[in-house]
């Protein structure tokens, strides 16, 4: 059984899921296919990849730090979309 404690990052993922549900009200479209979900997840992953590239080519430490925070935010979105997809598969999306 999973512990009741949730690390802060999982709370952030949960908050992002709630934000996504507000932006794109549930329930998910019943016609969402595996390729639809993959496209959504890949789009979010592409945004994370872009930030990673920007970190690599940052002009200074300040820019790299700012981009690292943007990367972190994108990765939270990637995680939230992955959770949404699993919820969709499980039929538990709210």
PDB file of N, CA and C in Angstrom:
ATOM      1  N   UNK A   1       0.845  -1.188   0.000  1.00  0.00           N
ATOM      2  CA  UNK A   1       0.000   0.000   0.000  1.00  0.00           C
ATOM      3  C   UNK A   1       0.882   1.241   0.000  1.00  0.00           C
ATOM      4  N   UNK A   2       0.518   2.205  -0.794  1.00  0.00           N
ATOM      5  CA  UNK A   2       1.301   3.437  -0.902  1.00  0.00           C
ATOM      6  C   UNK A   2       1.140   4.271   0.368  1.00  0.00           C
ATOM      7  N   UNK A   3       2.213   4.945   0.769  1.00  0.00           N
ATOM      8  CA  UNK A   3       2.105   5.808   1.952  1.00  0.00           C
ATOM      9  C   UNK A   3       1.198   7.009   1.662  1.00  0.00           C
ATOM     10  N   UNK A   4       0.610   7.551   2.729  1.00  0.00           N
ATOM     11  CA  UNK A   4      -0.260   8.719   2.581  1.00  0.00           C
ATOM     12  C   UNK A   4       0.520   9.966   2.198  1.00  0.00           C
ATOM     13  N   UNK A   5       1.793   9.999   2.569  1.00  0.00           N
ATOM     14  CA  UNK A   5       2.629  11.160   2.272  1.00  0.00           C
ATOM     15  C   UNK A   5       2.900  11.231   0.779  1.00  0.00           C
ATOM     16  N   UNK A   6       2.720  12.413   0.218  1.00  0.00           N
ATOM     17  CA  UNK A   6       3.058  12.631  -1.187  1.00  0.00           C
ATOM     18  C   UNK A   6       4.194  13.639  -1.247  1.00  0.00           C
ATOM     19  N   UNK A   7       5.277  13.268  -1.912  1.00  0.00           N
ATOM     20  CA  UNK A   7       6.352  14.246  -2.087  1.00  0.00           C
ATOM     21  C   UNK A   7       5.798  15.498  -2.784  1.00  0.00           C
ATOM     22  N   UNK A   8       6.367  16.650  -2.483  1.00  0.00           N
ATOM     23  CA  UNK A   8       5.871  17.901  -3.081  1.00  0.00           C
ATOM     24  C   UNK A   8       5.726  17.855  -4.603  1.00  0.00           C
ATOM     25  N   UNK A   9       6.618  17.167  -5.271  1.00  0.00           N
ATOM     26  CA  UNK A   9       6.523  17.130  -6.739  1.00  0.00           C
ATOM     27  C   UNK A   9       5.241  16.437  -7.191  1.00  0.00           C
ATOM     28  N   UNK A  10       4.790  15.434  -6.458  1.00  0.00           N
ATOM     29  CA  UNK A  10       3.546  14.771  -6.843  1.00  0.00           C
ATOM     30  C   UNK A  10       2.341  15.669  -6.585  1.00  0.00           C
ATOM     31  N   UNK A  11       2.437  16.508  -5.571  1.00  0.00           N
ATOM     32  CA  UNK A  11       1.382  17.496  -5.346  1.00  0.00           C
ATOM     33  C   UNK A  11       1.332  18.491  -6.501  1.00  0.00           C
ATOM     34  N   UNK A  12       2.495  18.852  -7.024  1.00  0.00           N
ATOM     35  CA  UNK A  12       2.543  19.751  -8.180  1.00  0.00           C
ATOM     36  C   UNK A  12       1.928  19.091  -9.411  1.00  0.00           C
ATOM     37  N   UNK A  13       2.211  17.807  -9.603  1.00  0.00           N
ATOM     38  CA  UNK A  13       1.627  17.085 -10.740  1.00  0.00           C
ATOM     39  C   UNK A  13       0.104  17.044 -10.587  1.00  0.00           C
ATOM     40  N   UNK A  14      -0.364  16.792  -9.368  1.00  0.00           N
ATOM     41  CA  UNK A  14      -1.798  16.770  -9.117  1.00  0.00           C
ATOM     42  C   UNK A  14      -2.435  18.132  -9.397  1.00  0.00           C
ATOM     43  N   UNK A  15      -1.773  19.192  -8.977  1.00  0.00           N
ATOM     44  CA  UNK A  15      -2.279  20.543  -9.243  1.00  0.00           C
ATOM     45  C   UNK A  15      -2.311  20.829 -10.747  1.00  0.00           C
ATOM     46  N   UNK A  16      -1.310  20.357 -11.466  1.00  0.00           N
ATOM     47  CA  UNK A  16      -1.281  20.544 -12.924  1.00  0.00           C
ATOM     48  C   UNK A  16      -2.415  19.770 -13.583  1.00  0.00           C
ATOM     49  N   UNK A  17      -2.710  18.563 -13.074  1.00  0.00           N
ATOM     50  CA  UNK A  17      -3.845  17.800 -13.606  1.00  0.00           C
ATOM     51  C   UNK A  17      -5.139  18.592 -13.427  1.00  0.00           C
ATOM     52  N   UNK A  18      -5.299  19.206 -12.248  1.00  0.00           N
ATOM     53  CA  UNK A  18      -6.497  20.002 -11.988  1.00  0.00           C
ATOM     54  C   UNK A  18      -6.558  21.189 -12.951  1.00  0.00           C
ATOM     55  N   UNK A  19      -5.407  21.821 -13.194  1.00  0.00           N
ATOM     56  CA  UNK A  19      -5.354  22.943 -14.130  1.00  0.00           C
ATOM     57  C   UNK A  19      -5.746  22.480 -15.532  1.00  0.00           C
ATOM     58  N   UNK A  20      -5.242  21.319 -15.929  1.00  0.00           N
ATOM     59  CA  UNK A  20      -5.580  20.779 -17.243  1.00  0.00           C
ATOM     60  C   UNK A  20      -7.075  20.495 -17.350  1.00  0.00           C
ATOM     61  N   UNK A  21      -7.650  19.945 -16.280  1.00  0.00           N
ATOM     62  CA  UNK A  21      -9.088  19.660 -16.300  1.00  0.00           C
ATOM     63  C   UNK A  21      -9.908  20.937 -16.394  1.00  0.00           C
ATOM     64  N   UNK A  22      -9.396  22.036 -15.825  1.00  0.00           N
ATOM     65  CA  UNK A  22     -10.087  23.318 -15.927  1.00  0.00           C
ATOM     66  C   UNK A  22      -9.993  23.848 -17.351  1.00  0.00           C
ATOM     67  N   UNK A  23      -8.821  23.710 -17.948  1.00  0.00           N
ATOM     68  CA  UNK A  23      -8.599  24.210 -19.304  1.00  0.00           C
ATOM     69  C   UNK A  23      -9.317  23.345 -20.343  1.00  0.00           C
ATOM     70  N   UNK A  24      -9.271  22.032 -20.121  1.00  0.00           N
ATOM     71  CA  UNK A  24      -9.899  21.069 -21.029  1.00  0.00           C
ATOM     72  C   UNK A  24     -10.838  20.214 -20.188  1.00  0.00           C
ATOM     73  N   UNK A  25     -12.077  20.676 -19.963  1.00  0.00           N
ATOM     74  CA  UNK A  25     -12.967  20.002 -19.015  1.00  0.00           C
ATOM     75  C   UNK A  25     -13.149  18.522 -19.296  1.00  0.00           C
ATOM     76  N   UNK A  26     -13.133  17.728 -18.220  1.00  0.00           N
ATOM     77  CA  UNK A  26     -13.388  16.296 -18.364  1.00  0.00           C
ATOM     78  C   UNK A  26     -14.864  16.062 -18.656  1.00  0.00           C
ATOM     79  N   UNK A  27     -15.272  14.900 -19.058  1.00  0.00           N
ATOM     80  CA  UNK A  27     -14.396  13.761 -19.252  1.00  0.00           C
ATOM     81  C   UNK A  27     -13.637  13.879 -20.571  1.00  0.00           C
ATOM     82  N   UNK A  28     -12.517  13.164 -20.651  1.00  0.00           N
ATOM     83  CA  UNK A  28     -11.773  13.191 -21.919  1.00  0.00           C
ATOM     84  C   UNK A  28     -12.663  12.665 -23.039  1.00  0.00           C
ATOM     85  N   UNK A  29     -12.406  13.169 -24.182  1.00  0.00           N
ATOM     86  CA  UNK A  29     -13.177  12.721 -25.325  1.00  0.00           C
ATOM     87  C   UNK A  29     -13.082  11.193 -25.428  1.00  0.00           C
ATOM     88  N   UNK A  30     -14.230  10.530 -25.533  1.00  0.00           N
ATOM     89  CA  UNK A  30     -14.184   9.070 -25.617  1.00  0.00           C
ATOM     90  C   UNK A  30     -13.484   8.586 -26.876  1.00  0.00           C
ATOM     91  N   UNK A  31     -13.360   9.484 -27.862  1.00  0.00           N
ATOM     92  CA  UNK A  31     -12.708   9.082 -29.105  1.00  0.00           C
ATOM     93  C   UNK A  31     -11.196   9.306 -29.082  1.00  0.00           C
ATOM     94  N   UNK A  32     -10.651   9.741 -27.929  1.00  0.00           N
ATOM     95  CA  UNK A  32      -9.189   9.875 -27.833  1.00  0.00           C
ATOM     96  C   UNK A  32      -8.568   8.500 -28.048  1.00  0.00           C
ATOM     97  N   UNK A  33      -7.756   8.403 -29.061  1.00  0.00           N
ATOM     98  CA  UNK A  33      -7.087   7.143 -29.350  1.00  0.00           C
ATOM     99  C   UNK A  33      -5.700   7.137 -28.719  1.00  0.00           C
ATOM    100  N   UNK A  34      -5.063   6.009 -28.801  1.00  0.00           N
ATOM    101  CA  UNK A  34      -3.690   5.909 -28.317  1.00  0.00           C
ATOM    102  C   UNK A  34      -2.813   6.934 -29.019  1.00  0.00           C
ATOM    103  N   UNK A  35      -3.013   7.120 -30.302  1.00  0.00           N
ATOM    104  CA  UNK A  35      -2.180   8.084 -31.028  1.00  0.00           C
ATOM    105  C   UNK A  35      -2.510   9.517 -30.636  1.00  0.00           C
ATOM    106  N   UNK A  36      -3.764   9.802 -30.281  1.00  0.00           N
ATOM    107  CA  UNK A  36      -4.098  11.147 -29.785  1.00  0.00           C
ATOM    108  C   UNK A  36      -3.335  11.433 -28.501  1.00  0.00           C
ATOM    109  N   UNK A  37      -3.392  10.490 -27.556  1.00  0.00           N
ATOM    110  CA  UNK A  37      -2.679  10.681 -26.288  1.00  0.00           C
ATOM    111  C   UNK A  37      -1.180  10.778 -26.522  1.00  0.00           C
ATOM    112  N   UNK A  38      -0.664   9.951 -27.423  1.00  0.00           N
ATOM    113  CA  UNK A  38       0.768  10.007 -27.716  1.00  0.00           C
ATOM    114  C   UNK A  38       1.141  11.366 -28.294  1.00  0.00           C
ATOM    115  N   UNK A  39       0.304  11.916 -29.150  1.00  0.00           N
ATOM    116  CA  UNK A  39       0.583  13.235 -29.721  1.00  0.00           C
ATOM    117  C   UNK A  39       0.610  14.307 -28.636  1.00  0.00           C
ATOM    118  N   UNK A  40      -0.339  14.257 -27.711  1.00  0.00           N
ATOM    119  CA  UNK A  40      -0.379  15.234 -26.624  1.00  0.00           C
ATOM    120  C   UNK A  40       0.871  15.116 -25.763  1.00  0.00           C
ATOM    121  N   UNK A  41       1.209  13.872 -25.387  1.00  0.00           N
ATOM    122  CA  UNK A  41       2.387  13.650 -24.544  1.00  0.00           C
ATOM    123  C   UNK A  41       3.670  14.057 -25.270  1.00  0.00           C
ATOM    124  N   UNK A  42       3.755  13.759 -26.548  1.00  0.00           N
ATOM    125  CA  UNK A  42       4.940  14.109 -27.333  1.00  0.00           C
ATOM    126  C   UNK A  42       5.078  15.621 -27.471  1.00  0.00           C
ATOM    127  N   UNK A  43       3.970  16.313 -27.632  1.00  0.00           N
ATOM    128  CA  UNK A  43       4.009  17.771 -27.723  1.00  0.00           C
ATOM    129  C   UNK A  43       4.579  18.358 -26.434  1.00  0.00           C
ATOM    130  N   UNK A  44       4.103  17.861 -25.304  1.00  0.00           N
ATOM    131  CA  UNK A  44       4.618  18.340 -24.018  1.00  0.00           C
ATOM    132  C   UNK A  44       6.095  17.966 -23.861  1.00  0.00           C
ATOM    133  N   UNK A  45       6.444  16.754 -24.251  1.00  0.00           N
ATOM    134  CA  UNK A  45       7.844  16.338 -24.181  1.00  0.00           C
ATOM    135  C   UNK A  45       8.738  17.174 -25.083  1.00  0.00           C
ATOM    136  N   UNK A  46       8.208  17.577 -26.227  1.00  0.00           N
ATOM    137  CA  UNK A  46       8.960  18.442 -27.137  1.00  0.00           C
ATOM    138  C   UNK A  46       9.251  19.797 -26.522  1.00  0.00           C
ATOM    139  N   UNK A  47       8.284  20.323 -25.755  1.00  0.00           N
ATOM    140  CA  UNK A  47       8.518  21.591 -25.072  1.00  0.00           C
ATOM    141  C   UNK A  47       9.605  21.440 -24.005  1.00  0.00           C
ATOM    142  N   UNK A  48       9.604  20.306 -23.312  1.00  0.00           N
ATOM    143  CA  UNK A  48      10.662  20.046 -22.332  1.00  0.00           C
ATOM    144  C   UNK A  48      12.013  19.927 -23.032  1.00  0.00           C
ATOM    145  N   UNK A  49      12.044  19.251 -24.157  1.00  0.00           N
ATOM    146  CA  UNK A  49      13.287  19.104 -24.911  1.00  0.00           C
ATOM    147  C   UNK A  49      13.817  20.458 -25.365  1.00  0.00           C
ATOM    148  N   UNK A  50      12.921  21.331 -25.797  1.00  0.00           N
ATOM    149  CA  UNK A  50      13.339  22.671 -26.226  1.00  0.00           C
ATOM    150  C   UNK A  50      14.008  23.421 -25.078  1.00  0.00           C
ATOM    151  N   UNK A  51      13.435  23.328 -23.895  1.00  0.00           N
ATOM    152  CA  UNK A  51      14.043  24.000 -22.745  1.00  0.00           C
ATOM    153  C   UNK A  51      15.405  23.393 -22.415  1.00  0.00           C
ATOM    154  N   UNK A  52      15.537  22.078 -22.549  1.00  0.00           N
ATOM    155  CA  UNK A  52      16.832  21.432 -22.294  1.00  0.00           C
ATOM    156  C   UNK A  52      17.891  21.950 -23.263  1.00  0.00           C
ATOM    157  N   UNK A  53      17.509  22.117 -24.518  1.00  0.00           N
ATOM    158  CA  UNK A  53      18.439  22.666 -25.508  1.00  0.00           C
ATOM    159  C   UNK A  53      18.806  24.101 -25.144  1.00  0.00           C
ATOM    160  N   UNK A  54      17.820  24.867 -24.714  1.00  0.00           N
ATOM    161  CA  UNK A  54      18.078  26.256 -24.335  1.00  0.00           C
ATOM    162  C   UNK A  54      19.040  26.338 -23.147  1.00  0.00           C
ATOM    163  N   UNK A  55      18.936  25.403 -22.223  1.00  0.00           N
ATOM    164  CA  UNK A  55      19.872  25.368 -21.086  1.00  0.00           C
ATOM    165  C   UNK A  55      21.287  25.146 -21.603  1.00  0.00           C
ATOM    166  N   UNK A  56      21.424  24.224 -22.528  1.00  0.00           N
ATOM    167  CA  UNK A  56      22.750  23.894 -23.081  1.00  0.00           C
ATOM    168  C   UNK A  56      23.398  25.113 -23.716  1.00  0.00           C
ATOM    169  N   UNK A  57      22.613  25.939 -24.365  1.00  0.00           N
ATOM    170  CA  UNK A  57      23.161  27.084 -25.092  1.00  0.00           C
ATOM    171  C   UNK A  57      22.926  28.419 -24.383  1.00  0.00           C
ATOM    172  N   UNK A  58      22.597  28.360 -23.100  1.00  0.00           N
ATOM    173  CA  UNK A  58      22.358  29.590 -22.335  1.00  0.00           C
ATOM    174  C   UNK A  58      23.610  30.452 -22.321  1.00  0.00           C
ATOM    175  N   UNK A  59      23.406  31.761 -22.397  1.00  0.00           N
ATOM    176  CA  UNK A  59      24.531  32.692 -22.474  1.00  0.00           C
ATOM    177  C   UNK A  59      25.215  32.937 -21.135  1.00  0.00           C
ATOM    178  N   UNK A  60      24.502  32.655 -20.040  1.00  0.00           N
ATOM    179  CA  UNK A  60      25.106  32.846 -18.714  1.00  0.00           C
ATOM    180  C   UNK A  60      24.368  31.998 -17.691  1.00  0.00           C
ATOM    181  N   UNK A  61      24.897  31.986 -16.470  1.00  0.00           N
ATOM    182  CA  UNK A  61      24.325  31.154 -15.411  1.00  0.00           C
ATOM    183  C   UNK A  61      22.903  31.570 -15.061  1.00  0.00           C
ATOM    184  N   UNK A  62      22.624  32.861 -15.119  1.00  0.00           N
ATOM    185  CA  UNK A  62      21.273  33.335 -14.827  1.00  0.00           C
ATOM    186  C   UNK A  62      20.258  32.807 -15.818  1.00  0.00           C
ATOM    187  N   UNK A  63      20.621  32.851 -17.087  1.00  0.00           N
ATOM    188  CA  UNK A  63      19.743  32.334 -18.136  1.00  0.00           C
ATOM    189  C   UNK A  63      19.569  30.827 -17.985  1.00  0.00           C
ATOM    190  N   UNK A  64      20.644  30.127 -17.674  1.00  0.00           N
ATOM    191  CA  UNK A  64      20.562  28.675 -17.480  1.00  0.00           C
ATOM    192  C   UNK A  64      19.642  28.342 -16.303  1.00  0.00           C
ATOM    193  N   UNK A  65      19.743  29.108 -15.242  1.00  0.00           N
ATOM    194  CA  UNK A  65      18.894  28.888 -14.071  1.00  0.00           C
ATOM    195  C   UNK A  65      17.425  29.133 -14.413  1.00  0.00           C
ATOM    196  N   UNK A  66      17.155  30.202 -15.129  1.00  0.00           N
ATOM    197  CA  UNK A  66      15.784  30.512 -15.532  1.00  0.00           C
ATOM    198  C   UNK A  66      15.231  29.404 -16.425  1.00  0.00           C
ATOM    199  N   UNK A  67      16.042  28.956 -17.372  1.00  0.00           N
ATOM    200  CA  UNK A  67      15.614  27.891 -18.283  1.00  0.00           C
ATOM    201  C   UNK A  67      15.415  26.566 -17.540  1.00  0.00           C
ATOM    202  N   UNK A  68      16.220  26.324 -16.512  1.00  0.00           N
ATOM    203  CA  UNK A  68      16.067  25.103 -15.726  1.00  0.00           C
ATOM    204  C   UNK A  68      14.709  25.092 -15.030  1.00  0.00           C
ATOM    205  N   UNK A  69      14.278  26.240 -14.532  1.00  0.00           N
ATOM    206  CA  UNK A  69      12.956  26.323 -13.915  1.00  0.00           C
ATOM    207  C   UNK A  69      11.847  26.124 -14.948  1.00  0.00           C
ATOM    208  N   UNK A  70      12.049  26.639 -16.153  1.00  0.00           N
ATOM    209  CA  UNK A  70      11.079  26.407 -17.226  1.00  0.00           C
ATOM    210  C   UNK A  70      11.038  24.926 -17.611  1.00  0.00           C
ATOM    211  N   UNK A  71      12.197  24.290 -17.661  1.00  0.00           N
ATOM    212  CA  UNK A  71      12.264  22.857 -17.944  1.00  0.00           C
ATOM    213  C   UNK A  71      11.502  22.077 -16.880  1.00  0.00           C
ATOM    214  N   UNK A  72      11.727  22.440 -15.626  1.00  0.00           N
ATOM    215  CA  UNK A  72      11.030  21.755 -14.529  1.00  0.00           C
ATOM    216  C   UNK A  72       9.520  21.868 -14.699  1.00  0.00           C
ATOM    217  N   UNK A  73       9.041  23.054 -15.030  1.00  0.00           N
ATOM    218  CA  UNK A  73       7.605  23.253 -15.234  1.00  0.00           C
ATOM    219  C   UNK A  73       7.081  22.397 -16.383  1.00  0.00           C
ATOM    220  N   UNK A  74       7.853  22.313 -17.458  1.00  0.00           N
ATOM    221  CA  UNK A  74       7.451  21.485 -18.597  1.00  0.00           C
ATOM    222  C   UNK A  74       7.399  20.010 -18.203  1.00  0.00           C
ATOM    223  N   UNK A  75       8.349  19.572 -17.388  1.00  0.00           N
ATOM    224  CA  UNK A  75       8.357  18.168 -16.963  1.00  0.00           C
ATOM    225  C   UNK A  75       7.163  17.848 -16.066  1.00  0.00           C
ATOM    226  N   UNK A  76       6.725  18.814 -15.257  1.00  0.00           N
ATOM    227  CA  UNK A  76       5.503  18.626 -14.469  1.00  0.00           C
ATOM    228  C   UNK A  76       4.323  18.428 -15.416  1.00  0.00           C
ATOM    229  N   UNK A  77       4.283  19.200 -16.504  1.00  0.00           N
ATOM    230  CA  UNK A  77       3.206  19.052 -17.484  1.00  0.00           C
ATOM    231  C   UNK A  77       3.277  17.684 -18.173  1.00  0.00           C
ATOM    232  N   UNK A  78       4.474  17.225 -18.492  1.00  0.00           N
ATOM    233  CA  UNK A  78       4.642  15.900 -19.093  1.00  0.00           C
ATOM    234  C   UNK A  78       4.085  14.835 -18.145  1.00  0.00           C
ATOM    235  N   UNK A  79       4.450  14.928 -16.881  1.00  0.00           N
ATOM    236  CA  UNK A  79       3.980  13.951 -15.888  1.00  0.00           C
ATOM    237  C   UNK A  79       2.462  13.991 -15.762  1.00  0.00           C
ATOM    238  N   UNK A  80       1.893  15.183 -15.761  1.00  0.00           N
ATOM    239  CA  UNK A  80       0.441  15.318 -15.622  1.00  0.00           C
ATOM    240  C   UNK A  80      -0.291  14.725 -16.824  1.00  0.00           C
ATOM    241  N   UNK A  81       0.233  14.924 -18.008  1.00  0.00           N
ATOM    242  CA  UNK A  81      -0.390  14.331 -19.199  1.00  0.00           C
ATOM    243  C   UNK A  81      -0.280  12.810 -19.141  1.00  0.00           C
ATOM    244  N   UNK A  82       0.852  12.292 -18.694  1.00  0.00           N
ATOM    245  CA  UNK A  82       1.000  10.843 -18.559  1.00  0.00           C
ATOM    246  C   UNK A  82      -0.025  10.291 -17.569  1.00  0.00           C
ATOM    247  N   UNK A  83      -0.231  10.991 -16.461  1.00  0.00           N
ATOM    248  CA  UNK A  83      -1.237  10.574 -15.479  1.00  0.00           C
ATOM    249  C   UNK A  83      -2.631  10.612 -16.114  1.00  0.00           C
ATOM    250  N   UNK A  84      -2.930  11.665 -16.855  1.00  0.00           N
ATOM    251  CA  UNK A  84      -4.236  11.764 -17.517  1.00  0.00           C
ATOM    252  C   UNK A  84      -4.468  10.596 -18.462  1.00  0.00           C
ATOM    253  N   UNK A  85      -3.428  10.229 -19.185  1.00  0.00           N
ATOM    254  CA  UNK A  85      -3.543   9.113 -20.125  1.00  0.00           C
ATOM    255  C   UNK A  85      -3.831   7.821 -19.370  1.00  0.00           C
ATOM    256  N   UNK A  86      -3.102   7.586 -18.284  1.00  0.00           N
ATOM    257  CA  UNK A  86      -3.335   6.387 -17.469  1.00  0.00           C
ATOM    258  C   UNK A  86      -4.753   6.407 -16.898  1.00  0.00           C
ATOM    259  N   UNK A  87      -5.199   7.568 -16.412  1.00  0.00           N
ATOM    260  CA  UNK A  87      -6.570   7.679 -15.910  1.00  0.00           C
ATOM    261  C   UNK A  87      -7.572   7.337 -17.008  1.00  0.00           C
ATOM    262  N   UNK A  88      -7.284   7.815 -18.208  1.00  0.00           N
ATOM    263  CA  UNK A  88      -8.168   7.518 -19.345  1.00  0.00           C
ATOM    264  C   UNK A  88      -8.208   6.002 -19.596  1.00  0.00           C
ATOM    265  N   UNK A  89      -7.048   5.392 -19.595  1.00  0.00           N
ATOM    266  CA  UNK A  89      -6.969   3.941 -19.799  1.00  0.00           C
ATOM    267  C   UNK A  89      -7.756   3.215 -18.709  1.00  0.00           C
ATOM    268  N   UNK A  90      -7.588   3.654 -17.485  1.00  0.00           N
ATOM    269  CA  UNK A  90      -8.265   3.005 -16.354  1.00  0.00           C
ATOM    270  C   UNK A  90      -9.741   3.355 -16.271  1.00  0.00           C
ATOM    271  N   UNK A  91     -10.180   4.326 -17.061  1.00  0.00           N
ATOM    272  CA  UNK A  91     -11.571   4.721 -17.013  1.00  0.00           C
ATOM    273  C   UNK A  91     -11.923   5.505 -15.752  1.00  0.00           C
ATOM    274  N   UNK A  92     -10.876   6.114 -15.132  1.00  0.00           N
ATOM    275  CA  UNK A  92     -11.083   6.807 -13.868  1.00  0.00           C
ATOM    276  C   UNK A  92     -10.973   8.308 -14.005  1.00  0.00           C
ATOM    277  N   UNK A  93     -10.849   8.826 -15.177  1.00  0.00           N
ATOM    278  CA  UNK A  93     -10.695  10.275 -15.340  1.00  0.00           C
ATOM    279  C   UNK A  93     -11.936  10.972 -14.805  1.00  0.00           C
ATOM    280  N   UNK A  94     -11.673  12.091 -14.140  1.00  0.00           N
ATOM    281  CA  UNK A  94     -12.796  12.825 -13.541  1.00  0.00           C
ATOM    282  C   UNK A  94     -13.165  14.018 -14.375  1.00  0.00           C
TER     283      UNK A  94
END
